[in-house]
Amino acid sequence: MFFLLLTIASVTGIFLAFEPVIEKSRDYKAAGFDTLTLAQTVPLLKEKFPGIQEVSVDDHSFVLIKYATEEGGDQQVYVDPVTGKILGKPTEKSHCSNG
């Protein structure tokens, strides 16, 4: 029984170790991101996503927006801040709880 628990913990640890590498390998970063300003980006994003609620930039310089959909729900997507094009959706992070 202990062997099975140890094997499961090892496999989970391996997966969690590679999760940041996989996340960073995704191509959600816009060309010229370092020279963009909010004054350039926000009007375009407000036009493309009228229900926009939040704009954030994660550790990998990916622009993530949260907006209200026409159906009434909230959506989060990575966008190109230059064109407003949706680049992808964030993946759910696995959470481990102790106790």
N, C-alpha and C. Protein backbone atom coordinates (compact mmCIF):
# COMPACT_ATOMS: atom_id res chain seq x y z
N MET A 1 0.81 -1.19 0.00
CA MET A 1 0.00 0.00 0.00
C MET A 1 0.87 1.26 0.00
N PHE A 2 1.94 1.24 0.81
CA PHE A 2 2.84 2.39 0.87
C PHE A 2 3.49 2.64 -0.48
N PHE A 3 3.83 1.55 -1.19
CA PHE A 3 4.45 1.67 -2.52
C PHE A 3 3.51 2.40 -3.49
N LEU A 4 2.22 2.06 -3.45
CA LEU A 4 1.25 2.70 -4.33
C LEU A 4 1.13 4.19 -4.02
N LEU A 5 1.09 4.54 -2.75
CA LEU A 5 1.02 5.95 -2.35
C LEU A 5 2.26 6.71 -2.81
N LEU A 6 3.41 6.10 -2.63
CA LEU A 6 4.66 6.72 -3.05
C LEU A 6 4.72 6.90 -4.56
N THR A 7 4.23 5.94 -5.32
CA THR A 7 4.21 6.02 -6.78
C THR A 7 3.28 7.15 -7.25
N ILE A 8 2.12 7.23 -6.65
CA ILE A 8 1.17 8.29 -7.02
C ILE A 8 1.75 9.66 -6.69
N ALA A 9 2.37 9.80 -5.55
CA ALA A 9 2.98 11.08 -5.16
C ALA A 9 4.11 11.45 -6.12
N SER A 10 4.89 10.47 -6.55
CA SER A 10 5.99 10.74 -7.48
C SER A 10 5.48 11.20 -8.84
N VAL A 11 4.46 10.53 -9.36
CA VAL A 11 3.89 10.90 -10.65
C VAL A 11 3.29 12.30 -10.58
N THR A 12 2.58 12.60 -9.51
CA THR A 12 2.00 13.93 -9.32
C THR A 12 3.09 14.99 -9.24
N GLY A 13 4.17 14.69 -8.53
CA GLY A 13 5.29 15.63 -8.42
C GLY A 13 5.93 15.91 -9.76
N ILE A 14 6.08 14.88 -10.57
CA ILE A 14 6.67 15.05 -11.91
C ILE A 14 5.78 15.96 -12.75
N PHE A 15 4.47 15.72 -12.71
CA PHE A 15 3.54 16.55 -13.48
C PHE A 15 3.61 18.01 -13.03
N LEU A 16 3.59 18.23 -11.73
CA LEU A 16 3.63 19.60 -11.22
C LEU A 16 4.95 20.30 -11.53
N ALA A 17 6.03 19.55 -11.63
CA ALA A 17 7.32 20.15 -11.96
C ALA A 17 7.36 20.64 -13.41
N PHE A 18 6.67 19.95 -14.30
CA PHE A 18 6.68 20.33 -15.71
C PHE A 18 5.58 21.32 -16.08
N GLU A 19 4.62 21.54 -15.21
CA GLU A 19 3.51 22.44 -15.51
C GLU A 19 3.98 23.86 -15.86
N PRO A 20 4.90 24.49 -15.10
CA PRO A 20 5.36 25.83 -15.47
C PRO A 20 6.08 25.87 -16.81
N VAL A 21 6.82 24.81 -17.14
CA VAL A 21 7.53 24.75 -18.42
C VAL A 21 6.53 24.68 -19.57
N ILE A 22 5.51 23.88 -19.41
CA ILE A 22 4.48 23.76 -20.45
C ILE A 22 3.75 25.08 -20.62
N GLU A 23 3.41 25.72 -19.52
CA GLU A 23 2.69 27.00 -19.57
C GLU A 23 3.51 28.06 -20.30
N LYS A 24 4.80 28.13 -20.00
CA LYS A 24 5.65 29.15 -20.62
C LYS A 24 5.88 28.87 -22.10
N SER A 25 5.80 27.60 -22.52
CA SER A 25 6.06 27.26 -23.91
C SER A 25 4.91 27.67 -24.83
N ARG A 26 3.77 27.99 -24.29
CA ARG A 26 2.65 28.42 -25.11
C ARG A 26 2.97 29.78 -25.71
N ASP A 27 2.47 30.02 -26.89
CA ASP A 27 2.82 31.25 -27.61
C ASP A 27 1.69 32.27 -27.49
N TYR A 28 1.51 32.82 -26.29
CA TYR A 28 0.48 33.82 -26.06
C TYR A 28 1.05 35.23 -25.95
N LYS A 29 2.34 35.39 -26.18
CA LYS A 29 2.96 36.70 -26.05
C LYS A 29 2.90 37.44 -27.39
N ALA A 30 2.55 38.71 -27.32
CA ALA A 30 2.42 39.53 -28.53
C ALA A 30 3.77 40.10 -28.94
N ALA A 31 3.96 40.24 -30.24
CA ALA A 31 5.17 40.87 -30.76
C ALA A 31 5.15 42.35 -30.36
N GLY A 32 6.27 42.87 -29.92
CA GLY A 32 6.36 44.27 -29.53
C GLY A 32 5.70 44.58 -28.21
N PHE A 33 5.47 43.57 -27.39
CA PHE A 33 4.78 43.76 -26.11
C PHE A 33 5.49 44.78 -25.23
N ASP A 34 6.81 44.78 -25.27
CA ASP A 34 7.60 45.65 -24.38
C ASP A 34 7.40 47.14 -24.67
N THR A 35 6.92 47.49 -25.85
CA THR A 35 6.76 48.90 -26.21
C THR A 35 5.32 49.38 -26.14
N LEU A 36 4.38 48.50 -25.81
CA LEU A 36 2.96 48.88 -25.75
C LEU A 36 2.65 49.67 -24.49
N THR A 37 1.66 50.53 -24.60
CA THR A 37 1.17 51.26 -23.44
C THR A 37 -0.31 50.94 -23.24
N LEU A 38 -0.80 51.20 -22.05
CA LEU A 38 -2.23 51.00 -21.79
C LEU A 38 -3.09 51.90 -22.67
N ALA A 39 -2.59 53.09 -22.94
CA ALA A 39 -3.34 54.04 -23.78
C ALA A 39 -3.56 53.49 -25.19
N GLN A 40 -2.64 52.66 -25.66
CA GLN A 40 -2.79 52.05 -26.98
C GLN A 40 -3.67 50.81 -26.91
N THR A 41 -3.57 50.06 -25.84
CA THR A 41 -4.19 48.75 -25.74
C THR A 41 -5.65 48.79 -25.30
N VAL A 42 -5.96 49.56 -24.28
CA VAL A 42 -7.29 49.53 -23.68
C VAL A 42 -8.41 49.90 -24.66
N PRO A 43 -8.29 50.96 -25.47
CA PRO A 43 -9.39 51.28 -26.40
C PRO A 43 -9.70 50.13 -27.37
N LEU A 44 -8.66 49.48 -27.87
CA LEU A 44 -8.88 48.36 -28.80
C LEU A 44 -9.58 47.21 -28.09
N LEU A 45 -9.13 46.87 -26.88
CA LEU A 45 -9.73 45.76 -26.14
C LEU A 45 -11.18 46.07 -25.75
N LYS A 46 -11.47 47.34 -25.41
CA LYS A 46 -12.84 47.72 -25.09
C LYS A 46 -13.75 47.62 -26.31
N GLU A 47 -13.19 47.88 -27.48
CA GLU A 47 -13.97 47.76 -28.72
C GLU A 47 -14.24 46.30 -29.05
N LYS A 48 -13.23 45.46 -28.91
CA LYS A 48 -13.37 44.03 -29.25
C LYS A 48 -14.18 43.27 -28.20
N PHE A 49 -14.06 43.67 -26.94
CA PHE A 49 -14.71 42.99 -25.83
C PHE A 49 -15.48 44.02 -25.00
N PRO A 50 -16.72 44.36 -25.41
CA PRO A 50 -17.47 45.42 -24.73
C PRO A 50 -17.69 45.16 -23.24
N GLY A 51 -17.75 43.92 -22.82
CA GLY A 51 -18.00 43.61 -21.42
C GLY A 51 -16.73 43.40 -20.62
N ILE A 52 -15.63 44.01 -21.07
CA ILE A 52 -14.33 43.78 -20.41
C ILE A 52 -14.37 44.29 -18.98
N GLN A 53 -13.85 43.46 -18.07
CA GLN A 53 -13.86 43.79 -16.65
C GLN A 53 -12.46 43.94 -16.08
N GLU A 54 -11.51 43.22 -16.66
CA GLU A 54 -10.17 43.19 -16.07
C GLU A 54 -9.13 42.87 -17.15
N VAL A 55 -7.99 43.55 -17.07
CA VAL A 55 -6.85 43.26 -17.93
C VAL A 55 -5.67 43.02 -17.00
N SER A 56 -4.97 41.91 -17.22
CA SER A 56 -3.79 41.63 -16.41
C SER A 56 -2.70 41.01 -17.28
N VAL A 57 -1.49 41.10 -16.78
CA VAL A 57 -0.34 40.51 -17.46
C VAL A 57 0.29 39.53 -16.48
N ASP A 58 0.46 38.28 -16.93
CA ASP A 58 1.00 37.28 -16.01
C ASP A 58 2.53 37.28 -16.03
N ASP A 59 3.12 36.33 -15.33
CA ASP A 59 4.58 36.27 -15.19
C ASP A 59 5.31 36.03 -16.51
N HIS A 60 4.60 35.51 -17.51
CA HIS A 60 5.21 35.21 -18.80
C HIS A 60 4.95 36.31 -19.83
N SER A 61 4.42 37.44 -19.39
CA SER A 61 4.05 38.58 -20.24
C SER A 61 2.92 38.23 -21.20
N PHE A 62 2.01 37.36 -20.77
CA PHE A 62 0.81 37.05 -21.53
C PHE A 62 -0.29 37.97 -21.03
N VAL A 63 -1.04 38.60 -21.94
CA VAL A 63 -2.13 39.50 -21.57
C VAL A 63 -3.41 38.67 -21.41
N LEU A 64 -3.96 38.71 -20.22
CA LEU A 64 -5.17 37.96 -19.89
C LEU A 64 -6.29 38.96 -19.61
N ILE A 65 -7.42 38.74 -20.26
CA ILE A 65 -8.57 39.61 -19.99
C ILE A 65 -9.72 38.78 -19.46
N LYS A 66 -10.53 39.43 -18.64
CA LYS A 66 -11.76 38.84 -18.14
C LYS A 66 -12.88 39.74 -18.64
N TYR A 67 -13.90 39.13 -19.23
CA TYR A 67 -15.00 39.92 -19.76
C TYR A 67 -16.31 39.17 -19.59
N ALA A 68 -17.40 39.93 -19.61
CA ALA A 68 -18.74 39.36 -19.52
C ALA A 68 -19.20 38.98 -20.92
N THR A 69 -19.70 37.77 -21.06
CA THR A 69 -20.20 37.31 -22.36
C THR A 69 -21.64 37.76 -22.54
N GLU A 70 -22.12 37.64 -23.76
CA GLU A 70 -23.50 38.03 -24.05
C GLU A 70 -24.49 37.10 -23.35
N GLU A 71 -24.05 35.88 -23.03
CA GLU A 71 -24.91 34.92 -22.34
C GLU A 71 -25.02 35.22 -20.85
N GLY A 72 -24.19 36.14 -20.36
CA GLY A 72 -24.26 36.54 -18.96
C GLY A 72 -23.18 35.94 -18.08
N GLY A 73 -22.32 35.11 -18.63
CA GLY A 73 -21.24 34.53 -17.84
C GLY A 73 -19.95 35.31 -18.02
N ASP A 74 -18.96 34.94 -17.26
CA ASP A 74 -17.64 35.55 -17.38
C ASP A 74 -16.72 34.61 -18.15
N GLN A 75 -15.82 35.19 -18.92
CA GLN A 75 -14.87 34.43 -19.72
C GLN A 75 -13.48 35.02 -19.50
N GLN A 76 -12.46 34.18 -19.49
CA GLN A 76 -11.07 34.64 -19.43
C GLN A 76 -10.34 34.08 -20.63
N VAL A 77 -9.60 34.95 -21.32
CA VAL A 77 -8.83 34.52 -22.49
C VAL A 77 -7.53 35.30 -22.56
N TYR A 78 -6.54 34.68 -23.20
CA TYR A 78 -5.31 35.38 -23.53
C TYR A 78 -5.54 36.08 -24.86
N VAL A 79 -5.09 37.32 -24.97
CA VAL A 79 -5.29 38.09 -26.20
C VAL A 79 -3.98 38.72 -26.66
N ASP A 80 -3.95 39.03 -27.94
CA ASP A 80 -2.87 39.83 -28.50
C ASP A 80 -3.30 41.28 -28.28
N PRO A 81 -2.59 42.04 -27.46
CA PRO A 81 -3.03 43.41 -27.15
C PRO A 81 -2.91 44.37 -28.33
N VAL A 82 -2.23 43.97 -29.38
CA VAL A 82 -2.09 44.82 -30.56
C VAL A 82 -3.29 44.68 -31.48
N THR A 83 -3.78 43.42 -31.65
CA THR A 83 -4.87 43.16 -32.59
C THR A 83 -6.19 42.84 -31.91
N GLY A 84 -6.16 42.44 -30.64
CA GLY A 84 -7.37 42.02 -29.94
C GLY A 84 -7.75 40.58 -30.24
N LYS A 85 -6.92 39.88 -30.99
CA LYS A 85 -7.19 38.49 -31.35
C LYS A 85 -7.04 37.58 -30.13
N ILE A 86 -7.99 36.66 -29.96
CA ILE A 86 -7.91 35.68 -28.88
C ILE A 86 -6.84 34.65 -29.22
N LEU A 87 -5.89 34.47 -28.31
CA LEU A 87 -4.79 33.54 -28.53
C LEU A 87 -5.01 32.19 -27.85
N GLY A 88 -5.84 32.16 -26.83
CA GLY A 88 -6.11 30.91 -26.13
C GLY A 88 -6.79 31.16 -24.81
N LYS A 89 -7.13 30.06 -24.15
CA LYS A 89 -7.78 30.13 -22.85
C LYS A 89 -6.83 29.59 -21.79
N PRO A 90 -6.84 30.20 -20.61
CA PRO A 90 -5.99 29.67 -19.54
C PRO A 90 -6.48 28.30 -19.10
N THR A 91 -5.53 27.46 -18.71
CA THR A 91 -5.88 26.14 -18.22
C THR A 91 -6.12 26.21 -16.72
N GLU A 92 -6.96 25.34 -16.25
CA GLU A 92 -7.22 25.25 -14.82
C GLU A 92 -5.99 24.70 -14.12
N LYS A 93 -5.54 25.35 -13.10
CA LYS A 93 -4.39 24.88 -12.34
C LYS A 93 -4.89 23.85 -11.33
N SER A 94 -4.11 22.78 -11.17
CA SER A 94 -4.49 21.78 -10.18
C SER A 94 -4.10 22.28 -8.80
N HIS A 95 -4.99 22.11 -7.86
CA HIS A 95 -4.75 22.56 -6.49
C HIS A 95 -4.72 21.36 -5.57
N CYS A 96 -3.70 21.30 -4.74
CA CYS A 96 -3.61 20.24 -3.74
C CYS A 96 -3.99 20.84 -2.39
N SER A 97 -4.81 20.12 -1.66
CA SER A 97 -5.16 20.62 -0.33
C SER A 97 -4.64 19.65 0.71
N ASN A 98 -4.08 20.21 1.73
CA ASN A 98 -3.58 19.39 2.83
C ASN A 98 -4.59 19.42 3.97
N GLY A 99 -5.02 18.24 4.36
CA GLY A 99 -5.91 18.15 5.51
C GLY A 99 -7.27 18.08 5.07
